[in-house]
Amino acid sequence: MFAAVRFEVDADVSPGLLPRLLQPFARRDLVPDSFHAVHADGTMRIAIAMDAMPREMVHLIGGNLKQVVGVRDVTTR
């Protein structure tokens, strides 16, 4: 079973942040369909989306994103 999912991440600005956010996907052989990052007022706002992610991975990836150093908040839609 698959689900369309979008992770919205707010994080501190850091040079290594973006590759750290993609690592949970790469470890599971998943490739996001879109990745958008904006730096504004000392905060990075990142949206990572997949059109068809295995449902059992949504919770795992969300949890991994919350553990990335510098991440303040993760919302899953």
C-alpha atoms as a PDB file:
ATOM      1  CA  MET A   1       0.000   0.000   0.000  1.00  0.00           C
ATOM      2  CA  PHE A   2       1.300   3.461  -0.888  1.00  0.00           C
ATOM      3  CA  ALA A   3       0.513   7.000   0.226  1.00  0.00           C
ATOM      4  CA  ALA A   4       1.205  10.478  -1.096  1.00  0.00           C
ATOM      5  CA  VAL A   5       3.116  12.284   1.638  1.00  0.00           C
ATOM      6  CA  ARG A   6       4.733  15.662   2.234  1.00  0.00           C
ATOM      7  CA  PHE A   7       7.131  16.317   5.105  1.00  0.00           C
ATOM      8  CA  GLU A   8       7.430  19.969   6.107  1.00  0.00           C
ATOM      9  CA  VAL A   9      10.530  20.684   8.175  1.00  0.00           C
ATOM     10  CA  ASP A  10      11.599  23.799  10.088  1.00  0.00           C
ATOM     11  CA  ALA A  11      15.246  23.762  11.103  1.00  0.00           C
ATOM     12  CA  ASP A  12      18.232  25.841  12.123  1.00  0.00           C
ATOM     13  CA  VAL A  13      20.468  26.944   9.265  1.00  0.00           C
ATOM     14  CA  SER A  14      23.425  24.579   8.913  1.00  0.00           C
ATOM     15  CA  PRO A  15      25.732  23.706   5.975  1.00  0.00           C
ATOM     16  CA  GLY A  16      25.131  19.942   6.418  1.00  0.00           C
ATOM     17  CA  LEU A  17      21.395  20.081   7.026  1.00  0.00           C
ATOM     18  CA  LEU A  18      20.083  19.243   3.565  1.00  0.00           C
ATOM     19  CA  PRO A  19      22.065  16.014   3.014  1.00  0.00           C
ATOM     20  CA  ARG A  20      21.186  14.899   6.573  1.00  0.00           C
ATOM     21  CA  LEU A  21      17.486  15.295   5.722  1.00  0.00           C
ATOM     22  CA  LEU A  22      17.820  13.103   2.630  1.00  0.00           C
ATOM     23  CA  GLN A  23      19.717  10.350   4.426  1.00  0.00           C
ATOM     24  CA  PRO A  24      16.614   8.576   5.892  1.00  0.00           C
ATOM     25  CA  PHE A  25      15.216   8.274   2.359  1.00  0.00           C
ATOM     26  CA  ALA A  26      18.491   7.009   0.874  1.00  0.00           C
ATOM     27  CA  ARG A  27      18.894   4.354   3.612  1.00  0.00           C
ATOM     28  CA  ARG A  28      15.565   2.879   2.498  1.00  0.00           C
ATOM     29  CA  ASP A  29      16.219   3.203  -1.259  1.00  0.00           C
ATOM     30  CA  LEU A  30      13.549   5.915  -1.576  1.00  0.00           C
ATOM     31  CA  VAL A  31      13.871   8.924  -3.871  1.00  0.00           C
ATOM     32  CA  PRO A  32      11.675  11.953  -3.094  1.00  0.00           C
ATOM     33  CA  ASP A  33       9.649  13.335  -5.994  1.00  0.00           C
ATOM     34  CA  SER A  34      10.278  16.909  -4.871  1.00  0.00           C
ATOM     35  CA  PHE A  35      12.530  18.764  -2.472  1.00  0.00           C
ATOM     36  CA  HIS A  36      12.183  22.485  -1.821  1.00  0.00           C
ATOM     37  CA  ALA A  37      14.251  24.509   0.650  1.00  0.00           C
ATOM     38  CA  VAL A  38      14.050  28.193   1.566  1.00  0.00           C
ATOM     39  CA  HIS A  39      16.321  30.117   3.932  1.00  0.00           C
ATOM     40  CA  ALA A  40      14.452  32.953   5.655  1.00  0.00           C
ATOM     41  CA  ASP A  41      15.157  34.848   8.856  1.00  0.00           C
ATOM     42  CA  GLY A  42      17.674  32.336  10.200  1.00  0.00           C
ATOM     43  CA  THR A  43      15.396  29.360   9.614  1.00  0.00           C
ATOM     44  CA  MET A  44      15.360  26.741   6.877  1.00  0.00           C
ATOM     45  CA  ARG A  45      11.927  25.668   5.676  1.00  0.00           C
ATOM     46  CA  ILE A  46      12.070  22.442   3.728  1.00  0.00           C
ATOM     47  CA  ALA A  47       9.343  20.435   1.996  1.00  0.00           C
ATOM     48  CA  ILE A  48      10.078  16.872   0.891  1.00  0.00           C
ATOM     49  CA  ALA A  49       7.334  15.043  -1.004  1.00  0.00           C
ATOM     50  CA  MET A  50       6.702  11.616  -2.453  1.00  0.00           C
ATOM     51  CA  ASP A  51       3.707  10.669  -4.576  1.00  0.00           C
ATOM     52  CA  ALA A  52       3.851   6.982  -3.617  1.00  0.00           C
ATOM     53  CA  MET A  53       5.681   6.150  -0.384  1.00  0.00           C
ATOM     54  CA  PRO A  54       5.111   2.754   1.238  1.00  0.00           C
ATOM     55  CA  ARG A  55       2.673   3.492   4.090  1.00  0.00           C
ATOM     56  CA  GLU A  56       4.808   1.678   6.659  1.00  0.00           C
ATOM     57  CA  MET A  57       7.704   4.045   5.891  1.00  0.00           C
ATOM     58  CA  VAL A  58       5.835   7.312   6.548  1.00  0.00           C
ATOM     59  CA  HIS A  59       6.057   7.051  10.335  1.00  0.00           C
ATOM     60  CA  LEU A  60       9.670   5.815  10.227  1.00  0.00           C
ATOM     61  CA  ILE A  61      10.893   8.610   7.947  1.00  0.00           C
ATOM     62  CA  GLY A  62       9.009  11.236   9.969  1.00  0.00           C
ATOM     63  CA  GLY A  63      10.658   9.992  13.151  1.00  0.00           C
ATOM     64  CA  ASN A  64      14.089  10.002  11.538  1.00  0.00           C
ATOM     65  CA  LEU A  65      13.617  13.571  10.301  1.00  0.00           C
ATOM     66  CA  LYS A  66      12.720  14.722  13.827  1.00  0.00           C
ATOM     67  CA  GLN A  67      16.034  13.306  15.086  1.00  0.00           C
ATOM     68  CA  VAL A  68      18.214  15.228  12.624  1.00  0.00           C
ATOM     69  CA  VAL A  69      20.428  17.750  14.411  1.00  0.00           C
ATOM     70  CA  GLY A  70      18.992  21.256  14.091  1.00  0.00           C
ATOM     71  CA  VAL A  71      15.428  20.216  13.224  1.00  0.00           C
ATOM     72  CA  ARG A  72      12.859  22.183  15.204  1.00  0.00           C
ATOM     73  CA  ASP A  73       9.612  20.753  13.847  1.00  0.00           C
ATOM     74  CA  VAL A  74       8.361  18.186  11.346  1.00  0.00           C
ATOM     75  CA  THR A  75       4.818  18.116  10.002  1.00  0.00           C
ATOM     76  CA  THR A  76       3.536  15.241   7.889  1.00  0.00           C
ATOM     77  CA  ARG A  77       0.714  15.856   5.433  1.00  0.00           C
END
